[in-house]
Amino acid sequence: MAADQIHVDWPATGATLYFTIENDSNQIWETVGSAFETRVVANWDNTGVDSYVIAMSESPGSSYHYIGTFDSAITSGDYIVRIREQVGGSKLVSDPVIASALIKWDGTVIVHTATAAAVAAIPTTKTGYSLVSTGLDLVLVDGKDLPNALEIIAALCAGKISGAGTGIEIFVGLDGLTVRATVTVDAVGNRTDVVYVG
C-alpha cells in the first residue's frame, strides 16, 4: 500500500490536522472496527473504542505541509475526504474543515483519473482544428461582440476623420470607406455624443 497519499498545505506549522472518509451513502469510516457506519457524534474520537479520525503529520517538520495515509482496509470506490484542524484540547465534530475532495480509490492507491483519461484525450497537434468565423462573436466588450468592437477602436485610433472643427466628426474604418463612429464635440473638443456603427 502506498503511504502518505493525502496531502495539504496549511498556513501554520505545528498544527494538529486529521481527516475523515465518507462514502456515497453518507456513512463515515470507523477506524477501530474498519467499517462504514452512520455518524455518531460520541464516536468522533473515542480512542480504542470508536474513532473516525485518521491522523496527519507535518512532513518534513516545520514545513507547513501535512500528510496522511488512506486506510487500506477500504474497498475500491469513490469517497469524500475531509481534512480538519483540531482547535481545542480534543478532536471534535465541530473542528473546522479546511479542505475536502472527492477521490477515487482502487483498493491500493488513489487513482488520478484526470491523468489517465482526460489528459490522454488532449490533442497533441493543431492539425484539423480551426476557429470558426464567428468564434469571437461570443466575446463581448460593453455589449458589442469583439470583432465589431475592434473595428470601432481601430477607426477611432487610426482611421481617417472628416468634419474636424465642425462639431461633428466622422471616423471611418481601416478600409478607408466604412463609417464606424460619428462623434459630436463641443467648442473645446470634448466628446458630447458618440454614435457607433457596427
Protein backbone atom coordinates (compact mmCIF):
# COMPACT_ATOMS: atom_id res chain seq x y z
CA MET A 1 0.00 0.00 0.00
CA ALA A 2 1.28 3.46 -0.88
CA ALA A 3 1.57 5.69 2.17
CA ASP A 4 1.07 9.44 2.57
CA GLN A 5 -1.47 9.82 -0.24
CA ILE A 6 -3.40 12.66 1.42
CA HIS A 7 -1.54 15.97 1.27
CA VAL A 8 -2.42 19.52 2.29
CA ASP A 9 -0.51 22.76 2.80
CA TRP A 10 -1.67 24.80 5.80
CA PRO A 11 -0.53 28.30 6.88
CA ALA A 12 0.55 27.12 10.33
CA THR A 13 3.32 24.86 11.50
CA GLY A 14 2.77 22.55 14.44
CA ALA A 15 -0.97 22.28 13.78
CA THR A 16 -2.95 19.13 14.57
CA LEU A 17 -4.63 18.07 11.34
CA TYR A 18 -6.57 14.91 10.62
CA PHE A 19 -9.02 13.61 8.05
CA THR A 20 -12.19 11.56 7.82
CA ILE A 21 -13.53 9.41 4.98
CA GLU A 22 -17.16 9.22 3.86
CA ASN A 23 -18.90 7.03 1.28
CA ASP A 24 -21.73 7.91 -1.09
CA SER A 25 -24.28 6.61 1.43
CA ASN A 26 -23.35 9.42 3.84
CA GLN A 27 -21.60 6.97 6.14
CA ILE A 28 -18.26 7.67 7.78
CA TRP A 29 -15.30 5.29 8.13
CA GLU A 30 -14.83 3.96 11.66
CA THR A 31 -11.14 3.11 12.04
CA VAL A 32 -11.31 0.74 15.04
CA GLY A 33 -13.94 -1.57 13.58
CA SER A 34 -12.78 -0.94 10.00
CA ALA A 35 -16.27 -0.34 8.65
CA PHE A 36 -18.50 2.47 7.43
CA GLU A 37 -21.26 3.44 9.82
CA THR A 38 -23.88 6.12 10.35
CA ARG A 39 -22.20 9.04 12.10
CA VAL A 40 -22.39 9.06 15.89
CA VAL A 41 -21.05 12.25 17.45
CA ALA A 42 -19.84 10.42 20.58
CA ASN A 43 -17.69 8.17 18.39
CA TRP A 44 -15.80 11.03 16.74
CA ASP A 45 -12.56 10.23 18.54
CA ASN A 46 -13.40 7.69 21.23
CA THR A 47 -9.89 6.23 21.21
CA GLY A 48 -9.72 2.44 21.42
CA VAL A 49 -13.48 2.05 21.09
CA ASP A 50 -14.61 4.02 18.07
CA SER A 51 -12.93 6.71 16.03
CA TYR A 52 -13.44 8.45 12.71
CA VAL A 53 -10.12 10.28 12.96
CA ILE A 54 -7.12 9.49 10.74
CA ALA A 55 -4.08 11.44 11.87
CA MET A 56 -1.88 13.58 9.65
CA SER A 57 1.69 14.58 10.34
CA GLU A 58 3.73 17.58 9.29
CA SER A 59 6.42 16.32 6.96
CA PRO A 60 9.12 17.40 6.82
CA GLY A 61 8.91 19.11 10.19
CA SER A 62 8.05 22.81 10.25
CA SER A 63 7.24 22.69 6.53
CA TYR A 64 3.54 23.69 6.70
CA HIS A 65 2.92 20.52 4.66
CA TYR A 66 0.83 17.73 6.19
CA ILE A 67 0.39 14.14 5.02
CA GLY A 68 -1.78 11.16 5.90
CA THR A 69 -2.43 7.64 4.64
CA PHE A 70 -5.75 6.43 3.24
CA ASP A 71 -6.96 3.32 5.07
CA SER A 72 -6.04 0.23 3.03
CA ALA A 73 -8.93 -1.73 4.55
CA ILE A 74 -11.38 0.28 2.45
CA THR A 75 -12.52 -1.35 -0.78
CA SER A 76 -12.29 0.38 -4.15
CA GLY A 77 -14.76 3.17 -4.89
CA ASP A 78 -15.39 6.92 -4.76
CA TYR A 79 -15.02 8.59 -1.37
CA ILE A 80 -15.06 12.04 0.18
CA VAL A 81 -12.02 13.02 2.25
CA ARG A 82 -12.45 15.93 4.67
CA ILE A 83 -9.36 17.41 6.33
CA ARG A 84 -9.94 19.18 9.65
CA GLU A 85 -7.89 21.16 12.12
CA GLN A 86 -8.16 20.36 15.82
CA VAL A 87 -8.78 23.69 17.54
CA GLY A 88 -9.31 22.58 21.15
CA GLY A 89 -7.95 20.06 23.58
CA SER A 90 -9.54 17.14 21.75
CA LYS A 91 -10.79 16.27 18.29
CA LEU A 92 -14.45 17.18 17.89
CA VAL A 93 -17.09 17.01 15.15
CA SER A 94 -17.14 20.83 15.31
CA ASP A 95 -13.49 21.11 14.21
CA PRO A 96 -13.40 23.21 11.02
CA VAL A 97 -12.99 21.53 7.65
CA ILE A 98 -10.00 23.13 5.90
CA ALA A 99 -10.08 21.05 2.71
CA SER A 100 -12.17 18.34 1.10
CA ALA A 101 -12.02 16.29 -2.07
CA LEU A 102 -13.83 13.52 -3.92
CA ILE A 103 -11.26 10.81 -4.61
CA LYS A 104 -11.26 7.53 -6.49
CA TRP A 105 -9.67 4.67 -4.55
CA ASP A 106 -8.71 1.45 -6.34
CA GLY A 107 -8.10 -0.52 -3.14
CA THR A 108 -4.38 0.22 -3.11
CA VAL A 109 -3.80 3.78 -4.27
CA ILE A 110 -5.74 6.93 -5.08
CA VAL A 111 -6.39 6.92 -8.83
CA HIS A 112 -5.86 10.22 -10.57
CA THR A 113 -8.33 9.71 -13.41
CA ALA A 114 -7.52 13.10 -14.94
CA THR A 115 -4.08 11.87 -15.95
CA ALA A 116 -5.38 8.50 -17.11
CA ALA A 117 -8.36 9.60 -19.16
CA ALA A 118 -8.85 13.33 -19.65
CA VAL A 119 -5.24 14.19 -20.31
CA ALA A 120 -4.92 11.33 -22.78
CA ALA A 121 -7.68 12.94 -24.83
CA ILE A 122 -5.90 16.30 -25.17
CA PRO A 123 -4.77 16.82 -28.79
CA THR A 124 -1.02 16.91 -29.28
CA THR A 125 -1.14 18.74 -32.64
CA LYS A 126 -3.26 21.52 -34.17
CA THR A 127 -3.94 19.55 -37.33
CA GLY A 128 -7.62 19.55 -38.23
CA TYR A 129 -8.56 22.36 -35.80
CA SER A 130 -9.60 25.90 -36.71
CA LEU A 131 -11.61 28.75 -35.26
CA VAL A 132 -14.97 29.23 -36.94
CA SER A 133 -15.54 32.65 -38.50
CA THR A 134 -17.99 33.59 -35.76
CA GLY A 135 -15.86 32.22 -32.95
CA LEU A 136 -15.06 35.62 -31.44
CA ASP A 137 -18.66 36.82 -31.51
CA LEU A 138 -19.20 35.32 -28.07
CA VAL A 139 -16.56 37.63 -26.58
CA LEU A 140 -18.34 40.85 -25.59
CA VAL A 141 -16.94 44.33 -24.96
CA ASP A 142 -19.60 46.50 -23.33
CA GLY A 143 -22.31 44.55 -25.14
CA LYS A 144 -20.65 44.55 -28.56
CA ASP A 145 -19.03 41.44 -29.96
CA LEU A 146 -15.25 41.59 -30.16
CA PRO A 147 -14.89 41.93 -33.97
CA ASN A 148 -17.22 44.96 -34.05
CA ALA A 149 -15.57 46.50 -31.01
CA LEU A 150 -12.15 46.17 -32.68
CA GLU A 151 -13.44 47.80 -35.88
CA ILE A 152 -14.68 50.79 -33.89
CA ILE A 153 -11.49 51.04 -31.84
CA ALA A 154 -9.36 50.87 -34.98
CA ALA A 155 -11.40 53.63 -36.66
CA LEU A 156 -11.20 55.96 -33.65
CA CYS A 157 -7.47 55.34 -33.17
CA ALA A 158 -6.12 55.01 -36.72
CA GLY A 159 -8.91 55.63 -39.22
CA LYS A 160 -9.47 58.67 -41.41
CA ILE A 161 -11.54 61.52 -39.98
CA SER A 162 -13.72 64.12 -41.67
CA GLY A 163 -15.54 67.13 -40.23
CA ALA A 164 -12.84 68.07 -37.74
CA GLY A 165 -13.56 71.52 -36.34
CA THR A 166 -17.22 71.50 -37.40
CA GLY A 167 -18.57 69.95 -34.22
CA ILE A 168 -19.40 66.63 -35.87
CA GLU A 169 -16.52 64.31 -36.68
CA ILE A 170 -16.90 61.16 -38.75
CA PHE A 171 -14.43 58.29 -38.31
CA VAL A 172 -14.06 55.61 -40.96
CA GLY A 173 -12.58 52.16 -40.65
CA LEU A 174 -9.21 50.93 -41.80
CA ASP A 175 -10.69 50.21 -45.20
CA GLY A 176 -10.99 53.99 -45.65
CA LEU A 177 -14.68 53.75 -46.55
CA THR A 178 -16.90 52.32 -43.81
CA VAL A 179 -18.18 54.78 -41.22
CA ARG A 180 -17.57 53.31 -37.76
CA ALA A 181 -18.38 56.27 -35.48
CA THR A 182 -19.91 59.74 -35.57
CA VAL A 183 -18.69 61.98 -32.76
CA THR A 184 -20.24 65.25 -31.61
CA VAL A 185 -17.76 67.60 -29.91
CA ASP A 186 -18.13 70.94 -28.12
CA ALA A 187 -16.14 74.11 -28.74
CA VAL A 188 -13.09 72.85 -26.90
CA GLY A 189 -13.10 69.37 -28.45
CA ASN A 190 -14.78 67.35 -25.69
CA ARG A 191 -16.89 64.48 -26.94
CA THR A 192 -20.53 65.07 -26.01
CA ASP A 193 -22.07 62.25 -28.03
CA VAL A 194 -20.80 59.20 -29.88
CA VAL A 195 -22.80 57.07 -32.30
CA TYR A 196 -21.14 53.75 -33.06
CA VAL A 197 -21.80 51.90 -36.28
CA GLY A 198 -21.20 48.17 -36.20
